[in-house]
Amino acid sequence: MMNAEKIPATVITGFLGSGKTTLIRNLLATANGKRIALIINEFGDLGVDGDVLAGCGDETCTEDDIVELTNGCICCTVADDFIPTITKLMESDRRPDHIVIETSGLALPQPLVNAFNWPEIREQVTVDGVVTVVDSAAVSEGRFADDHDAVQAQREKDESLDHESPLEELFEDQITCADMIVLNKTDLIADDSLAAVEGEVRDATERRVKLIRAGLDNVPSAEVLLGLGIGTENDMASRRSHHEIHHEDGHEHDHDEFESFVVAGGAVADAKVMAKRLVDVIEVHDVLRLKGFVEISGKPMRMVVQAVGKRIDTYFDRDWAEDEKRSSRLVVIGLHDMDEAAVTDAVKAALV
């Protein structure tokens, strides 16, 4: 059990579009006065998640309590970014009761948790637990399933095949590191499919991990997510990632498998038409994730766009500020061989 004098930190990880931001918004809304500091590791140039969370208006977590690390994977910038950020929070007049860290959907949780063993952090902060959010609907469709036997059979038939899937490895690493797994979007799949997803997720780790179900009308509260008391940084030997195993062979770590860029556009005349066009862009170009803000003609509020796979969620989150330049800006995340020019043109064509 963790030292009660240390500030607990919860690491929330999960694949692209799994629902981490929605979960954190509800966590803040149910914190019951507990002062929460947020560290958000955004992948891409546009801090969408931080802006969405900063607009939630919760007294337990003001905009001053939100820190964004937007220059890449937190596991690669521990010394330069993460440790100074934690140190600053500890020295703040608004010393938090709890720290919540939302990792990028492309980040490895293991190196981040190991960073809590650094002398500058260990004396003051401990990892309350790692919460991994899983998109149950995506897993049920087989997008991130890792069938080693099938891969081996394909290897034998086709020597030119890309044998390694970084998406599957990331998914498995996030499961391996979890103290709690939130099976999200369960309302989108049938009971028998959900049972299969649960079995697949349990098979992805040798450790016994608590699974909870969540959906649109059943988002876990702070009472459920906080206070696990694990002290995860002391128990990393059984949570080794593909990343760590790969490093044993002397390989460098990079994120060349992924690319992200921002596409800007003007006011959109019809939100439904835009959404349909974006679905076509995602399907044609195999885009992993779209997220950002859109200006809708004649509307005083900005629209949030969150897309993963062919599912697109849109909603108005707040009024445009008087001194704020209205515009449409979407972050696009995909694999490294994505045709950036073609995707940019296609997204711009949708933002009209």
Protein backbone atom coordinates (compact mmCIF):
# COMPACT_ATOMS: atom_id res chain seq x y z
CA MET A 1 0.00 0.00 0.00
CA MET A 2 1.18 3.49 -0.76
CA ASN A 3 2.48 6.01 1.74
CA ALA A 4 -0.48 8.13 2.87
CA GLU A 5 1.72 11.25 3.01
CA LYS A 6 2.49 11.07 -0.68
CA ILE A 7 0.22 12.67 -3.26
CA PRO A 8 -1.49 9.90 -5.26
CA ALA A 9 -1.37 10.01 -9.05
CA THR A 10 -3.67 8.11 -11.40
CA VAL A 11 -2.42 7.32 -14.90
CA ILE A 12 -5.23 7.02 -17.46
CA THR A 13 -4.17 5.35 -20.67
CA GLY A 14 -5.98 3.83 -23.60
CA PHE A 15 -5.96 3.67 -27.35
CA LEU A 16 -6.98 6.49 -29.67
CA GLY A 17 -10.62 7.44 -29.21
CA SER A 18 -11.26 5.00 -26.39
CA GLY A 19 -13.00 7.70 -24.32
CA LYS A 20 -10.32 8.91 -21.89
CA THR A 21 -11.32 12.58 -22.05
CA THR A 22 -15.01 11.82 -21.37
CA LEU A 23 -13.99 9.66 -18.42
CA ILE A 24 -11.81 12.44 -16.99
CA ARG A 25 -14.55 15.04 -17.40
CA ASN A 26 -16.85 12.85 -15.32
CA LEU A 27 -14.07 12.21 -12.81
CA LEU A 28 -13.74 15.97 -12.27
CA ALA A 29 -17.50 16.39 -11.97
CA THR A 30 -17.67 13.74 -9.22
CA ALA A 31 -14.50 14.66 -7.30
CA ASN A 32 -16.54 16.06 -4.35
CA GLY A 33 -14.22 18.99 -3.68
CA LYS A 34 -10.96 17.08 -4.05
CA ARG A 35 -8.40 19.28 -5.78
CA ILE A 36 -7.26 17.58 -8.98
CA ALA A 37 -4.23 18.50 -11.10
CA LEU A 38 -4.27 17.26 -14.70
CA ILE A 39 -1.26 16.44 -16.85
CA ILE A 40 -2.26 15.81 -20.46
CA ASN A 41 0.22 14.29 -22.91
CA GLU A 42 -1.24 15.32 -26.27
CA PHE A 43 -0.05 13.73 -29.52
CA GLY A 44 -0.19 16.38 -32.23
CA ASP A 45 0.12 20.15 -32.42
CA LEU A 46 -3.38 21.10 -31.34
CA GLY A 47 -4.19 20.68 -27.64
CA VAL A 48 -7.73 19.45 -28.11
CA ASP A 49 -8.14 17.39 -24.95
CA GLY A 50 -6.73 20.11 -22.70
CA ASP A 51 -9.01 22.72 -24.22
CA VAL A 52 -12.06 20.49 -23.81
CA LEU A 53 -11.22 19.76 -20.18
CA ALA A 54 -10.36 23.38 -19.39
CA GLY A 55 -13.81 24.36 -20.57
CA CYS A 56 -15.60 22.02 -18.19
CA GLY A 57 -15.78 24.66 -15.44
CA ASP A 58 -15.16 22.37 -12.50
CA GLU A 59 -13.99 24.17 -9.37
CA THR A 60 -11.95 21.13 -8.34
CA CYS A 61 -9.73 21.57 -11.40
CA THR A 62 -9.28 25.08 -12.78
CA GLU A 63 -7.40 25.98 -15.95
CA ASP A 64 -4.36 26.73 -13.75
CA ASP A 65 -4.37 23.09 -12.62
CA ILE A 66 -4.10 21.72 -16.17
CA VAL A 67 -0.68 21.13 -17.74
CA GLU A 68 -0.29 20.00 -21.36
CA LEU A 69 2.81 18.28 -22.71
CA THR A 70 2.36 18.64 -26.46
CA ASN A 71 5.83 17.89 -27.79
CA GLY A 72 5.57 14.14 -28.12
CA CYS A 73 5.46 10.91 -26.18
CA ILE A 74 5.87 11.49 -22.45
CA CYS A 75 7.91 8.29 -22.14
CA CYS A 76 10.62 9.91 -24.29
CA THR A 77 10.68 13.26 -22.45
CA VAL A 78 10.62 12.23 -18.79
CA ALA A 79 13.68 14.21 -17.76
CA ASP A 80 12.93 17.29 -19.87
CA ASP A 81 9.18 17.64 -19.32
CA PHE A 82 7.57 15.29 -16.85
CA ILE A 83 9.83 15.70 -13.80
CA PRO A 84 9.84 19.53 -13.98
CA THR A 85 6.05 19.45 -14.33
CA ILE A 86 5.60 17.28 -11.23
CA THR A 87 8.09 19.43 -9.31
CA LYS A 88 6.19 22.58 -10.23
CA LEU A 89 2.92 21.06 -9.02
CA MET A 90 4.52 20.09 -5.70
CA GLU A 91 5.79 23.65 -5.21
CA SER A 92 2.51 25.31 -6.19
CA ASP A 93 0.33 27.23 -3.72
CA ARG A 94 -2.50 25.04 -5.04
CA ARG A 95 -0.85 21.77 -4.07
CA PRO A 96 -3.20 19.09 -5.43
CA ASP A 97 -4.94 16.35 -3.49
CA HIS A 98 -4.61 14.04 -6.48
CA ILE A 99 -2.84 14.10 -9.85
CA VAL A 100 -4.47 12.65 -12.95
CA ILE A 101 -2.29 11.98 -15.99
CA GLU A 102 -3.94 11.36 -19.35
CA THR A 103 -1.44 9.74 -21.68
CA SER A 104 -1.56 10.06 -25.43
CA GLY A 105 -3.31 7.20 -27.19
CA LEU A 106 0.08 6.37 -28.69
CA ALA A 107 2.04 6.46 -25.44
CA LEU A 108 3.58 3.61 -23.48
CA PRO A 109 2.44 3.70 -19.82
CA GLN A 110 5.35 1.63 -18.44
CA PRO A 111 8.15 4.25 -18.79
CA LEU A 112 5.87 6.89 -17.33
CA VAL A 113 5.10 4.78 -14.25
CA ASN A 114 8.81 3.98 -13.86
CA ALA A 115 9.50 7.72 -13.76
CA PHE A 116 7.81 7.82 -10.35
CA ASN A 117 10.86 5.98 -9.02
CA TRP A 118 13.08 8.97 -9.79
CA PRO A 119 14.40 10.50 -6.52
CA GLU A 120 12.87 13.90 -7.33
CA ILE A 121 9.40 12.35 -7.48
CA ARG A 122 9.43 9.21 -5.32
CA GLU A 123 9.53 11.06 -2.01
CA GLN A 124 6.41 13.11 -2.76
CA VAL A 125 4.21 11.24 -5.25
CA THR A 126 3.08 7.65 -5.78
CA VAL A 127 1.01 5.97 -8.48
CA ASP A 128 -2.44 5.28 -7.06
CA GLY A 129 -3.14 3.07 -10.06
CA VAL A 130 -3.07 2.75 -13.84
CA VAL A 131 -6.49 2.83 -15.50
CA THR A 132 -6.63 1.55 -19.08
CA VAL A 133 -9.67 2.51 -21.16
CA VAL A 134 -10.60 0.02 -23.89
CA ASP A 135 -12.88 0.71 -26.85
CA SER A 136 -14.94 -2.47 -26.57
CA ALA A 137 -16.71 -1.85 -29.87
CA ALA A 138 -13.40 -1.54 -31.74
CA VAL A 139 -11.99 -4.68 -30.15
CA SER A 140 -15.16 -6.60 -31.01
CA GLU A 141 -14.57 -5.67 -34.65
CA GLY A 142 -11.08 -7.15 -34.48
CA ARG A 143 -9.20 -3.94 -35.21
CA PHE A 144 -6.67 -4.41 -32.40
CA ALA A 145 -6.79 -8.18 -31.84
CA ASP A 146 -3.38 -9.86 -31.63
CA ASP A 147 -3.54 -13.40 -33.04
CA HIS A 148 0.05 -14.62 -33.03
CA ASP A 149 -0.79 -17.92 -34.73
CA ALA A 150 -2.49 -16.16 -37.65
CA VAL A 151 0.41 -13.73 -38.01
CA GLN A 152 2.88 -16.61 -38.07
CA ALA A 153 0.85 -18.41 -40.75
CA GLN A 154 0.81 -15.24 -42.86
CA ARG A 155 4.57 -14.85 -42.42
CA GLU A 156 5.12 -18.28 -43.88
CA LYS A 157 2.96 -17.47 -46.91
CA ASP A 158 4.22 -13.95 -47.61
CA GLU A 159 7.80 -12.92 -46.83
CA SER A 160 7.04 -9.29 -47.79
CA LEU A 161 4.36 -8.94 -45.07
CA ASP A 162 4.82 -6.39 -42.32
CA HIS A 163 5.05 -8.87 -39.45
CA GLU A 164 4.82 -6.41 -36.60
CA SER A 165 1.77 -4.29 -35.80
CA PRO A 166 2.59 -1.28 -33.60
CA LEU A 167 -1.13 -0.80 -32.89
CA GLU A 168 -1.50 -4.28 -31.46
CA GLU A 169 1.69 -3.92 -29.42
CA LEU A 170 0.54 -0.63 -27.92
CA PHE A 171 -2.86 -2.09 -27.09
CA GLU A 172 -1.23 -5.08 -25.40
CA ASP A 173 1.23 -2.89 -23.48
CA GLN A 174 -1.57 -0.70 -22.14
CA ILE A 175 -3.45 -3.79 -20.94
CA THR A 176 -0.29 -5.25 -19.41
CA CYS A 177 0.32 -2.16 -17.31
CA ALA A 178 -3.24 -1.75 -16.01
CA ASP A 179 -4.48 -1.96 -12.43
CA MET A 180 -8.05 -1.38 -13.64
CA ILE A 181 -9.47 -1.82 -17.13
CA VAL A 182 -12.52 0.17 -18.19
CA LEU A 183 -14.36 -1.64 -20.98
CA ASN A 184 -15.90 1.43 -22.59
CA LYS A 185 -18.64 1.81 -25.21
CA THR A 186 -20.27 -1.44 -24.09
CA ASP A 187 -23.63 0.00 -25.12
CA LEU A 188 -22.55 -0.31 -28.77
CA ILE A 189 -22.16 -4.10 -28.81
CA ALA A 190 -24.25 -7.16 -27.98
CA ASP A 191 -23.78 -9.14 -24.78
CA ASP A 192 -22.14 -12.10 -26.49
CA SER A 193 -19.66 -9.80 -28.25
CA LEU A 194 -18.90 -8.08 -24.94
CA ALA A 195 -18.18 -11.44 -23.29
CA ALA A 196 -15.72 -12.18 -26.10
CA VAL A 197 -14.03 -8.80 -25.61
CA GLU A 198 -13.68 -9.44 -21.89
CA GLY A 199 -12.05 -12.78 -22.60
CA GLU A 200 -9.65 -11.24 -25.13
CA VAL A 201 -8.65 -8.45 -22.76
CA ARG A 202 -8.08 -10.85 -19.86
CA ASP A 203 -5.95 -13.04 -22.13
CA ALA A 204 -3.75 -10.03 -22.97
CA THR A 205 -2.25 -9.96 -19.46
CA GLU A 206 -1.00 -12.61 -17.07
CA ARG A 207 -1.92 -10.46 -14.08
CA ARG A 208 -5.32 -10.44 -12.43
CA VAL A 209 -6.84 -7.04 -13.17
CA LYS A 210 -10.23 -5.60 -12.25
CA LEU A 211 -12.53 -5.03 -15.25
CA ILE A 212 -15.47 -2.64 -15.17
CA ARG A 213 -18.01 -1.89 -17.88
CA ALA A 214 -18.84 1.62 -19.06
CA GLY A 215 -20.95 3.29 -21.71
CA LEU A 216 -22.69 6.51 -22.63
CA ASP A 217 -24.99 6.40 -19.59
CA ASN A 218 -22.54 4.63 -17.28
CA VAL A 219 -19.29 6.60 -16.94
CA PRO A 220 -17.14 5.65 -13.91
CA SER A 221 -16.96 8.27 -11.15
CA ALA A 222 -14.02 9.56 -9.12
CA GLU A 223 -15.05 7.23 -6.32
CA VAL A 224 -14.47 4.24 -8.60
CA LEU A 225 -11.32 5.47 -10.37
CA LEU A 226 -9.40 7.08 -7.49
CA GLY A 227 -8.17 5.59 -4.24
CA LEU A 228 -6.95 2.25 -5.59
CA GLY A 229 -3.83 2.55 -3.40
CA ILE A 230 -1.67 0.30 -5.57
CA GLY A 231 1.71 2.03 -5.56
CA THR A 232 2.20 0.77 -9.11
CA GLU A 233 5.77 2.07 -9.44
CA ASN A 234 6.85 -0.63 -6.99
CA ASP A 235 5.42 -3.43 -9.13
CA MET A 236 6.77 -3.03 -12.66
CA ALA A 237 8.68 -6.28 -13.12
CA SER A 238 5.52 -8.11 -14.26
CA ARG A 239 4.42 -5.28 -16.57
CA ARG A 240 7.27 -5.18 -19.08
CA SER A 241 6.30 -3.71 -22.44
CA HIS A 242 7.30 -4.60 -25.98
CA HIS A 243 9.23 -1.32 -25.85
CA GLU A 244 11.37 -2.50 -22.93
CA ILE A 245 11.96 -5.94 -24.42
CA HIS A 246 12.98 -4.33 -27.71
CA HIS A 247 15.46 -2.08 -25.88
CA GLU A 248 17.23 -5.14 -24.47
CA ASP A 249 18.49 -5.73 -28.02
CA GLY A 250 19.91 -2.22 -28.21
CA HIS A 251 17.25 -0.73 -30.47
CA GLU A 252 16.33 2.92 -30.37
CA HIS A 253 12.75 3.91 -29.53
CA ASP A 254 10.89 6.20 -31.87
CA HIS A 255 7.39 6.95 -33.04
CA ASP A 256 8.03 6.76 -36.76
CA GLU A 257 5.04 4.41 -37.02
CA PHE A 258 2.71 7.39 -36.55
CA GLU A 259 2.24 10.86 -37.95
CA SER A 260 0.02 13.74 -36.90
CA PHE A 261 -0.75 17.10 -38.44
CA VAL A 262 -3.35 19.87 -38.18
CA VAL A 263 -5.78 20.79 -40.95
CA ALA A 264 -7.38 24.25 -40.82
CA GLY A 265 -10.57 25.27 -42.57
CA GLY A 266 -13.34 27.81 -42.56
CA ALA A 267 -16.90 27.85 -41.31
CA VAL A 268 -18.95 24.72 -42.02
CA ALA A 269 -22.44 25.14 -43.47
CA ASP A 270 -23.91 21.77 -42.49
CA ALA A 271 -22.54 19.69 -39.60
CA LYS A 272 -24.22 16.47 -40.77
CA VAL A 273 -22.77 16.76 -44.27
CA MET A 274 -19.34 17.48 -42.77
CA ALA A 275 -19.54 14.38 -40.58
CA LYS A 276 -20.49 12.18 -43.54
CA ARG A 277 -17.58 13.55 -45.58
CA LEU A 278 -15.15 12.97 -42.73
CA VAL A 279 -16.29 9.35 -42.45
CA ASP A 280 -15.42 8.95 -46.13
CA VAL A 281 -11.98 10.51 -45.52
CA ILE A 282 -11.30 8.15 -42.62
CA GLU A 283 -12.36 5.10 -44.60
CA VAL A 284 -10.49 5.94 -47.80
CA HIS A 285 -7.23 6.99 -46.12
CA ASP A 286 -7.35 4.67 -43.07
CA VAL A 287 -7.09 7.59 -40.64
CA LEU A 288 -6.79 6.41 -37.03
CA ARG A 289 -8.12 9.51 -35.31
CA LEU A 290 -9.63 12.94 -36.00
CA LYS A 291 -10.27 15.48 -33.27
CA GLY A 292 -10.60 19.21 -32.98
CA PHE A 293 -12.94 22.19 -33.10
CA VAL A 294 -15.19 23.39 -35.92
CA GLU A 295 -16.96 26.66 -36.62
CA ILE A 296 -20.55 26.11 -37.73
CA SER A 297 -22.05 28.97 -39.75
CA GLY A 298 -24.64 30.96 -37.81
CA LYS A 299 -23.95 29.21 -34.50
CA PRO A 300 -22.57 31.11 -31.47
CA MET A 301 -20.93 27.98 -30.03
CA ARG A 302 -17.96 25.98 -31.27
CA MET A 303 -18.40 22.32 -32.16
CA VAL A 304 -16.11 19.59 -30.82
CA VAL A 305 -15.33 16.78 -33.27
CA GLN A 306 -14.03 13.42 -31.97
CA ALA A 307 -13.67 10.55 -34.43
CA VAL A 308 -12.19 7.07 -34.20
CA GLY A 309 -12.75 4.54 -36.91
CA LYS A 310 -15.97 5.39 -38.69
CA ARG A 311 -17.64 6.68 -35.52
CA ILE A 312 -17.82 10.46 -35.21
CA ASP A 313 -19.11 12.29 -32.14
CA THR A 314 -19.93 16.00 -32.37
CA TYR A 315 -21.26 18.39 -29.76
CA PHE A 316 -21.21 22.10 -28.89
CA ASP A 317 -19.08 22.71 -25.79
CA ARG A 318 -19.07 26.50 -25.27
CA ASP A 319 -19.63 29.90 -26.86
CA TRP A 320 -16.87 31.42 -28.94
CA ALA A 321 -15.13 34.13 -26.88
CA GLU A 322 -15.46 37.71 -28.10
CA ASP A 323 -11.70 38.03 -28.63
CA GLU A 324 -11.32 34.51 -30.04
CA LYS A 325 -10.71 33.95 -33.74
CA ARG A 326 -13.33 31.55 -35.05
CA SER A 327 -11.95 28.76 -37.19
CA SER A 328 -12.08 25.04 -37.87
CA ARG A 329 -9.00 23.02 -36.90
CA LEU A 330 -8.73 19.23 -36.81
CA VAL A 331 -5.81 17.04 -35.71
CA VAL A 332 -5.28 14.03 -37.99
CA ILE A 333 -3.42 10.99 -36.64
CA GLY A 334 -2.45 8.02 -38.78
CA LEU A 335 0.32 5.61 -39.70
CA HIS A 336 3.61 6.92 -41.08
CA ASP A 337 2.83 6.06 -44.69
CA MET A 338 -0.36 8.15 -44.73
CA ASP A 339 -0.55 10.54 -47.70
CA GLU A 340 -0.58 13.83 -45.78
CA ALA A 341 -1.25 16.00 -48.83
CA ALA A 342 -4.19 13.90 -49.99
CA VAL A 343 -5.69 13.68 -46.48
CA THR A 344 -5.27 17.42 -45.97
CA ASP A 345 -7.10 18.19 -49.22
CA ALA A 346 -9.86 15.73 -48.35
CA VAL A 347 -10.38 17.13 -44.83
CA LYS A 348 -10.38 20.71 -46.13
CA ALA A 349 -13.03 19.70 -48.66
CA ALA A 350 -15.18 18.42 -45.78
CA LEU A 351 -14.79 21.67 -43.80
CA VAL A 352 -16.98 23.83 -46.03
